[in-house]
Amino acid sequence: MRPRWQAFCLRHGILFSEIDFDVDLDKVEQYHPGGVLPVMIFLTDGSETFRVIGEKREKEIERIFLERQG
């Protein structure tokens, strides 16, 4: 999934930061990703706007993002 997320973020000029579920325990606790991975959490000004949960194809990631942007 990482290459799909990275390509998507690069195309849309989105800053991408990866959190390792096993290493970054403080961040995991802060964002409560749940049990289904991967989770992509979109933030605006530090506040969560929406999440994309689970493995998705690139076109599906694009569709979800565009729907959320209005």
PDB file of N, CA and C in Angstrom:
ATOM      1  N   MET A   1       0.808  -1.202   0.000  1.00  0.00           N
ATOM      2  CA  MET A   1       0.000   0.000   0.000  1.00  0.00           C
ATOM      3  C   MET A   1       0.850   1.264   0.000  1.00  0.00           C
ATOM      4  N   ARG A   2       1.993   1.230   0.617  1.00  0.00           N
ATOM      5  CA  ARG A   2       2.810   2.437   0.741  1.00  0.00           C
ATOM      6  C   ARG A   2       3.048   3.124  -0.604  1.00  0.00           C
ATOM      7  N   PRO A   3       3.438   2.412  -1.657  1.00  0.00           N
ATOM      8  CA  PRO A   3       3.657   3.107  -2.939  1.00  0.00           C
ATOM      9  C   PRO A   3       2.394   3.795  -3.464  1.00  0.00           C
ATOM     10  N   ARG A   4       1.223   3.195  -3.240  1.00  0.00           N
ATOM     11  CA  ARG A   4      -0.035   3.821  -3.687  1.00  0.00           C
ATOM     12  C   ARG A   4      -0.289   5.120  -2.937  1.00  0.00           C
ATOM     13  N   TRP A   5      -0.131   5.080  -1.615  1.00  0.00           N
ATOM     14  CA  TRP A   5      -0.351   6.288  -0.818  1.00  0.00           C
ATOM     15  C   TRP A   5       0.647   7.369  -1.189  1.00  0.00           C
ATOM     16  N   GLN A   6       1.910   6.983  -1.330  1.00  0.00           N
ATOM     17  CA  GLN A   6       2.939   7.970  -1.660  1.00  0.00           C
ATOM     18  C   GLN A   6       2.683   8.603  -3.017  1.00  0.00           C
ATOM     19  N   ALA A   7       2.326   7.802  -4.010  1.00  0.00           N
ATOM     20  CA  ALA A   7       2.034   8.332  -5.343  1.00  0.00           C
ATOM     21  C   ALA A   7       0.829   9.272  -5.290  1.00  0.00           C
ATOM     22  N   PHE A   8      -0.191   8.871  -4.577  1.00  0.00           N
ATOM     23  CA  PHE A   8      -1.391   9.695  -4.433  1.00  0.00           C
ATOM     24  C   PHE A   8      -1.051  11.040  -3.798  1.00  0.00           C
ATOM     25  N   CYS A   9      -0.316  11.010  -2.689  1.00  0.00           N
ATOM     26  CA  CYS A   9       0.041  12.241  -1.974  1.00  0.00           C
ATOM     27  C   CYS A   9       0.913  13.149  -2.832  1.00  0.00           C
ATOM     28  N   LEU A  10       1.839  12.571  -3.546  1.00  0.00           N
ATOM     29  CA  LEU A  10       2.705  13.349  -4.430  1.00  0.00           C
ATOM     30  C   LEU A  10       1.878  14.053  -5.508  1.00  0.00           C
ATOM     31  N   ARG A  11       0.938  13.335  -6.105  1.00  0.00           N
ATOM     32  CA  ARG A  11       0.080  13.902  -7.155  1.00  0.00           C
ATOM     33  C   ARG A  11      -0.748  15.071  -6.650  1.00  0.00           C
ATOM     34  N   HIS A  12      -1.171  15.011  -5.393  1.00  0.00           N
ATOM     35  CA  HIS A  12      -2.066  16.036  -4.847  1.00  0.00           C
ATOM     36  C   HIS A  12      -1.354  17.040  -3.951  1.00  0.00           C
ATOM     37  N   GLY A  13      -0.045  16.938  -3.852  1.00  0.00           N
ATOM     38  CA  GLY A  13       0.707  17.877  -3.023  1.00  0.00           C
ATOM     39  C   GLY A  13       0.397  17.757  -1.544  1.00  0.00           C
ATOM     40  N   ILE A  14       0.138  16.538  -1.092  1.00  0.00           N
ATOM     41  CA  ILE A  14      -0.203  16.294   0.305  1.00  0.00           C
ATOM     42  C   ILE A  14       1.050  15.830   1.037  1.00  0.00           C
ATOM     43  N   LEU A  15       1.300  16.429   2.184  1.00  0.00           N
ATOM     44  CA  LEU A  15       2.418  16.022   3.028  1.00  0.00           C
ATOM     45  C   LEU A  15       2.095  14.653   3.609  1.00  0.00           C
ATOM     46  N   PHE A  16       3.009  13.725   3.469  1.00  0.00           N
ATOM     47  CA  PHE A  16       2.802  12.333   3.876  1.00  0.00           C
ATOM     48  C   PHE A  16       3.748  12.002   5.017  1.00  0.00           C
ATOM     49  N   SER A  17       3.215  11.524   6.108  1.00  0.00           N
ATOM     50  CA  SER A  17       4.031  11.112   7.248  1.00  0.00           C
ATOM     51  C   SER A  17       3.572   9.722   7.653  1.00  0.00           C
ATOM     52  N   GLU A  18       4.498   8.811   7.757  1.00  0.00           N
ATOM     53  CA  GLU A  18       4.161   7.440   8.093  1.00  0.00           C
ATOM     54  C   GLU A  18       4.406   7.177   9.574  1.00  0.00           C
ATOM     55  N   ILE A  19       3.453   6.494  10.196  1.00  0.00           N
ATOM     56  CA  ILE A  19       3.570   6.128  11.599  1.00  0.00           C
ATOM     57  C   ILE A  19       3.638   4.607  11.667  1.00  0.00           C
ATOM     58  N   ASP A  20       4.660   4.082  12.314  1.00  0.00           N
ATOM     59  CA  ASP A  20       4.808   2.641  12.461  1.00  0.00           C
ATOM     60  C   ASP A  20       4.018   2.197  13.691  1.00  0.00           C
ATOM     61  N   PHE A  21       3.071   1.327  13.469  1.00  0.00           N
ATOM     62  CA  PHE A  21       2.170   0.848  14.514  1.00  0.00           C
ATOM     63  C   PHE A  21       2.930   0.230  15.688  1.00  0.00           C
ATOM     64  N   ASP A  22       4.062  -0.411  15.418  1.00  0.00           N
ATOM     65  CA  ASP A  22       4.825  -1.102  16.462  1.00  0.00           C
ATOM     66  C   ASP A  22       5.869  -0.226  17.134  1.00  0.00           C
ATOM     67  N   VAL A  23       6.232   0.896  16.528  1.00  0.00           N
ATOM     68  CA  VAL A  23       7.329   1.718  17.039  1.00  0.00           C
ATOM     69  C   VAL A  23       6.847   3.049  17.606  1.00  0.00           C
ATOM     70  N   ASP A  24       5.963   3.738  16.892  1.00  0.00           N
ATOM     71  CA  ASP A  24       5.513   5.078  17.259  1.00  0.00           C
ATOM     72  C   ASP A  24       4.292   5.024  18.179  1.00  0.00           C
ATOM     73  N   LEU A  25       4.476   4.450  19.351  1.00  0.00           N
ATOM     74  CA  LEU A  25       3.347   4.198  20.250  1.00  0.00           C
ATOM     75  C   LEU A  25       2.619   5.474  20.679  1.00  0.00           C
ATOM     76  N   ASP A  26       3.343   6.566  20.876  1.00  0.00           N
ATOM     77  CA  ASP A  26       2.690   7.831  21.258  1.00  0.00           C
ATOM     78  C   ASP A  26       1.739   8.303  20.171  1.00  0.00           C
ATOM     79  N   LYS A  27       2.191   8.247  18.926  1.00  0.00           N
ATOM     80  CA  LYS A  27       1.344   8.694  17.800  1.00  0.00           C
ATOM     81  C   LYS A  27       0.164   7.741  17.609  1.00  0.00           C
ATOM     82  N   VAL A  28       0.412   6.449  17.744  1.00  0.00           N
ATOM     83  CA  VAL A  28      -0.667   5.473  17.606  1.00  0.00           C
ATOM     84  C   VAL A  28      -1.744   5.764  18.645  1.00  0.00           C
ATOM     85  N   GLU A  29      -1.325   6.017  19.870  1.00  0.00           N
ATOM     86  CA  GLU A  29      -2.273   6.327  20.933  1.00  0.00           C
ATOM     87  C   GLU A  29      -3.034   7.625  20.638  1.00  0.00           C
ATOM     88  N   GLN A  30      -2.357   8.597  20.060  1.00  0.00           N
ATOM     89  CA  GLN A  30      -2.971   9.895  19.751  1.00  0.00           C
ATOM     90  C   GLN A  30      -4.056   9.766  18.684  1.00  0.00           C
ATOM     91  N   TYR A  31      -3.821   8.954  17.656  1.00  0.00           N
ATOM     92  CA  TYR A  31      -4.747   8.889  16.518  1.00  0.00           C
ATOM     93  C   TYR A  31      -5.709   7.710  16.550  1.00  0.00           C
ATOM     94  N   HIS A  32      -5.539   6.770  17.463  1.00  0.00           N
ATOM     95  CA  HIS A  32      -6.442   5.625  17.591  1.00  0.00           C
ATOM     96  C   HIS A  32      -6.789   5.004  16.228  1.00  0.00           C
ATOM     97  N   PRO A  33      -5.822   4.378  15.574  1.00  0.00           N
ATOM     98  CA  PRO A  33      -6.078   3.859  14.228  1.00  0.00           C
ATOM     99  C   PRO A  33      -7.026   2.675  14.172  1.00  0.00           C
ATOM    100  N   GLY A  34      -7.267   1.997  15.253  1.00  0.00           N
ATOM    101  CA  GLY A  34      -8.156   0.848  15.248  1.00  0.00           C
ATOM    102  C   GLY A  34      -7.421  -0.415  14.839  1.00  0.00           C
ATOM    103  N   GLY A  35      -8.166  -1.468  14.550  1.00  0.00           N
ATOM    104  CA  GLY A  35      -7.559  -2.762  14.280  1.00  0.00           C
ATOM    105  C   GLY A  35      -7.314  -3.074  12.822  1.00  0.00           C
ATOM    106  N   VAL A  36      -7.889  -2.307  11.909  1.00  0.00           N
ATOM    107  CA  VAL A  36      -7.725  -2.570  10.480  1.00  0.00           C
ATOM    108  C   VAL A  36      -6.650  -1.645   9.931  1.00  0.00           C
ATOM    109  N   LEU A  37      -5.627  -2.230   9.340  1.00  0.00           N
ATOM    110  CA  LEU A  37      -4.530  -1.458   8.765  1.00  0.00           C
ATOM    111  C   LEU A  37      -4.449  -1.727   7.273  1.00  0.00           C
ATOM    112  N   PRO A  38      -3.936  -0.837   6.492  1.00  0.00           N
ATOM    113  CA  PRO A  38      -3.436   0.487   6.835  1.00  0.00           C
ATOM    114  C   PRO A  38      -4.568   1.489   7.049  1.00  0.00           C
ATOM    115  N   VAL A  39      -4.216   2.576   7.694  1.00  0.00           N
ATOM    116  CA  VAL A  39      -5.142   3.685   7.913  1.00  0.00           C
ATOM    117  C   VAL A  39      -4.446   4.956   7.437  1.00  0.00           C
ATOM    118  N   MET A  40      -5.122   5.721   6.600  1.00  0.00           N
ATOM    119  CA  MET A  40      -4.595   7.015   6.180  1.00  0.00           C
ATOM    120  C   MET A  40      -5.500   8.068   6.810  1.00  0.00           C
ATOM    121  N   ILE A  41      -4.908   8.912   7.642  1.00  0.00           N
ATOM    122  CA  ILE A  41      -5.663   9.937   8.355  1.00  0.00           C
ATOM    123  C   ILE A  41      -5.323  11.290   7.744  1.00  0.00           C
ATOM    124  N   PHE A  42      -6.327  11.980   7.255  1.00  0.00           N
ATOM    125  CA  PHE A  42      -6.137  13.295   6.652  1.00  0.00           C
ATOM    126  C   PHE A  42      -6.363  14.355   7.722  1.00  0.00           C
ATOM    127  N   LEU A  43      -5.402  15.257   7.842  1.00  0.00           N
ATOM    128  CA  LEU A  43      -5.470  16.338   8.826  1.00  0.00           C
ATOM    129  C   LEU A  43      -5.483  17.678   8.112  1.00  0.00           C
ATOM    130  N   THR A  44      -6.242  18.610   8.654  1.00  0.00           N
ATOM    131  CA  THR A  44      -6.224  19.997   8.201  1.00  0.00           C
ATOM    132  C   THR A  44      -5.990  20.856   9.426  1.00  0.00           C
ATOM    133  N   ASP A  45      -4.924  21.632   9.402  1.00  0.00           N
ATOM    134  CA  ASP A  45      -4.543  22.460  10.551  1.00  0.00           C
ATOM    135  C   ASP A  45      -4.461  21.641  11.838  1.00  0.00           C
ATOM    136  N   GLY A  46      -3.953  20.408  11.726  1.00  0.00           N
ATOM    137  CA  GLY A  46      -3.754  19.552  12.893  1.00  0.00           C
ATOM    138  C   GLY A  46      -4.973  18.793  13.365  1.00  0.00           C
ATOM    139  N   SER A  47      -6.129  19.019  12.735  1.00  0.00           N
ATOM    140  CA  SER A  47      -7.360  18.323  13.125  1.00  0.00           C
ATOM    141  C   SER A  47      -7.743  17.308  12.056  1.00  0.00           C
ATOM    142  N   GLU A  48      -8.176  16.155  12.499  1.00  0.00           N
ATOM    143  CA  GLU A  48      -8.577  15.106  11.562  1.00  0.00           C
ATOM    144  C   GLU A  48      -9.818  15.523  10.778  1.00  0.00           C
ATOM    145  N   THR A  49      -9.757  15.347   9.453  1.00  0.00           N
ATOM    146  CA  THR A  49     -10.919  15.640   8.617  1.00  0.00           C
ATOM    147  C   THR A  49     -11.609  14.366   8.160  1.00  0.00           C
ATOM    148  N   PHE A  50     -10.841  13.315   7.856  1.00  0.00           N
ATOM    149  CA  PHE A  50     -11.414  12.017   7.532  1.00  0.00           C
ATOM    150  C   PHE A  50     -10.320  10.962   7.476  1.00  0.00           C
ATOM    151  N   ARG A  51     -10.745   9.692   7.375  1.00  0.00           N
ATOM    152  CA  ARG A  51      -9.833   8.554   7.316  1.00  0.00           C
ATOM    153  C   ARG A  51     -10.189   7.671   6.131  1.00  0.00           C
ATOM    154  N   VAL A  52      -9.171   6.988   5.634  1.00  0.00           N
ATOM    155  CA  VAL A  52      -9.368   5.923   4.665  1.00  0.00           C
ATOM    156  C   VAL A  52      -8.776   4.682   5.327  1.00  0.00           C
ATOM    157  N   ILE A  53      -9.617   3.667   5.524  1.00  0.00           N
ATOM    158  CA  ILE A  53      -9.221   2.496   6.289  1.00  0.00           C
ATOM    159  C   ILE A  53      -9.160   1.269   5.384  1.00  0.00           C
ATOM    160  N   GLY A  54      -8.086   0.498   5.533  1.00  0.00           N
ATOM    161  CA  GLY A  54      -7.921  -0.741   4.798  1.00  0.00           C
ATOM    162  C   GLY A  54      -7.224  -0.539   3.461  1.00  0.00           C
ATOM    163  N   GLU A  55      -6.906  -1.659   2.831  1.00  0.00           N
ATOM    164  CA  GLU A  55      -6.213  -1.604   1.541  1.00  0.00           C
ATOM    165  C   GLU A  55      -7.180  -1.151   0.458  1.00  0.00           C
ATOM    166  N   LYS A  56      -6.745  -0.225  -0.358  1.00  0.00           N
ATOM    167  CA  LYS A  56      -7.563   0.334  -1.432  1.00  0.00           C
ATOM    168  C   LYS A  56      -6.736   0.411  -2.711  1.00  0.00           C
ATOM    169  N   ARG A  57      -7.411   0.271  -3.827  1.00  0.00           N
ATOM    170  CA  ARG A  57      -6.756   0.506  -5.114  1.00  0.00           C
ATOM    171  C   ARG A  57      -6.577   1.996  -5.299  1.00  0.00           C
ATOM    172  N   GLU A  58      -5.647   2.344  -6.160  1.00  0.00           N
ATOM    173  CA  GLU A  58      -5.333   3.760  -6.374  1.00  0.00           C
ATOM    174  C   GLU A  58      -6.558   4.565  -6.812  1.00  0.00           C
ATOM    175  N   LYS A  59      -7.376   4.015  -7.709  1.00  0.00           N
ATOM    176  CA  LYS A  59      -8.574   4.725  -8.178  1.00  0.00           C
ATOM    177  C   LYS A  59      -9.570   4.934  -7.034  1.00  0.00           C
ATOM    178  N   GLU A  60      -9.650   3.971  -6.131  1.00  0.00           N
ATOM    179  CA  GLU A  60     -10.569   4.106  -5.003  1.00  0.00           C
ATOM    180  C   GLU A  60     -10.083   5.179  -4.025  1.00  0.00           C
ATOM    181  N   ILE A  61      -8.781   5.230  -3.790  1.00  0.00           N
ATOM    182  CA  ILE A  61      -8.213   6.276  -2.946  1.00  0.00           C
ATOM    183  C   ILE A  61      -8.555   7.641  -3.535  1.00  0.00           C
ATOM    184  N   GLU A  62      -8.361   7.772  -4.831  1.00  0.00           N
ATOM    185  CA  GLU A  62      -8.639   9.026  -5.542  1.00  0.00           C
ATOM    186  C   GLU A  62     -10.116   9.411  -5.403  1.00  0.00           C
ATOM    187  N   ARG A  63     -11.016   8.464  -5.607  1.00  0.00           N
ATOM    188  CA  ARG A  63     -12.453   8.717  -5.527  1.00  0.00           C
ATOM    189  C   ARG A  63     -12.851   9.186  -4.130  1.00  0.00           C
ATOM    190  N   ILE A  64     -12.378   8.490  -3.111  1.00  0.00           N
ATOM    191  CA  ILE A  64     -12.715   8.845  -1.732  1.00  0.00           C
ATOM    192  C   ILE A  64     -12.220  10.253  -1.419  1.00  0.00           C
ATOM    193  N   PHE A  65     -10.982  10.547  -1.799  1.00  0.00           N
ATOM    194  CA  PHE A  65     -10.405  11.855  -1.526  1.00  0.00           C
ATOM    195  C   PHE A  65     -11.204  12.955  -2.215  1.00  0.00           C
ATOM    196  N   LEU A  66     -11.523  12.777  -3.490  1.00  0.00           N
ATOM    197  CA  LEU A  66     -12.253  13.798  -4.228  1.00  0.00           C
ATOM    198  C   LEU A  66     -13.661  14.007  -3.676  1.00  0.00           C
ATOM    199  N   GLU A  67     -14.318  12.931  -3.235  1.00  0.00           N
ATOM    200  CA  GLU A  67     -15.636  13.064  -2.617  1.00  0.00           C
ATOM    201  C   GLU A  67     -15.557  13.899  -1.340  1.00  0.00           C
ATOM    202  N   ARG A  68     -14.533  13.689  -0.555  1.00  0.00           N
ATOM    203  CA  ARG A  68     -14.384  14.394   0.716  1.00  0.00           C
ATOM    204  C   ARG A  68     -14.002  15.862   0.511  1.00  0.00           C
ATOM    205  N   GLN A  69     -13.372  16.158  -0.608  1.00  0.00           N
ATOM    206  CA  GLN A  69     -12.973  17.544  -0.884  1.00  0.00           C
ATOM    207  C   GLN A  69     -14.131  18.386  -1.386  1.00  0.00           C
ATOM    208  N   GLY A  70     -15.210  17.724  -1.799  1.00  0.00           N
ATOM    209  CA  GLY A  70     -16.409  18.438  -2.220  1.00  0.00           C
ATOM    210  C   GLY A  70     -16.290  18.862  -3.609  1.00  0.00           C
TER     211      GLY A  70
END
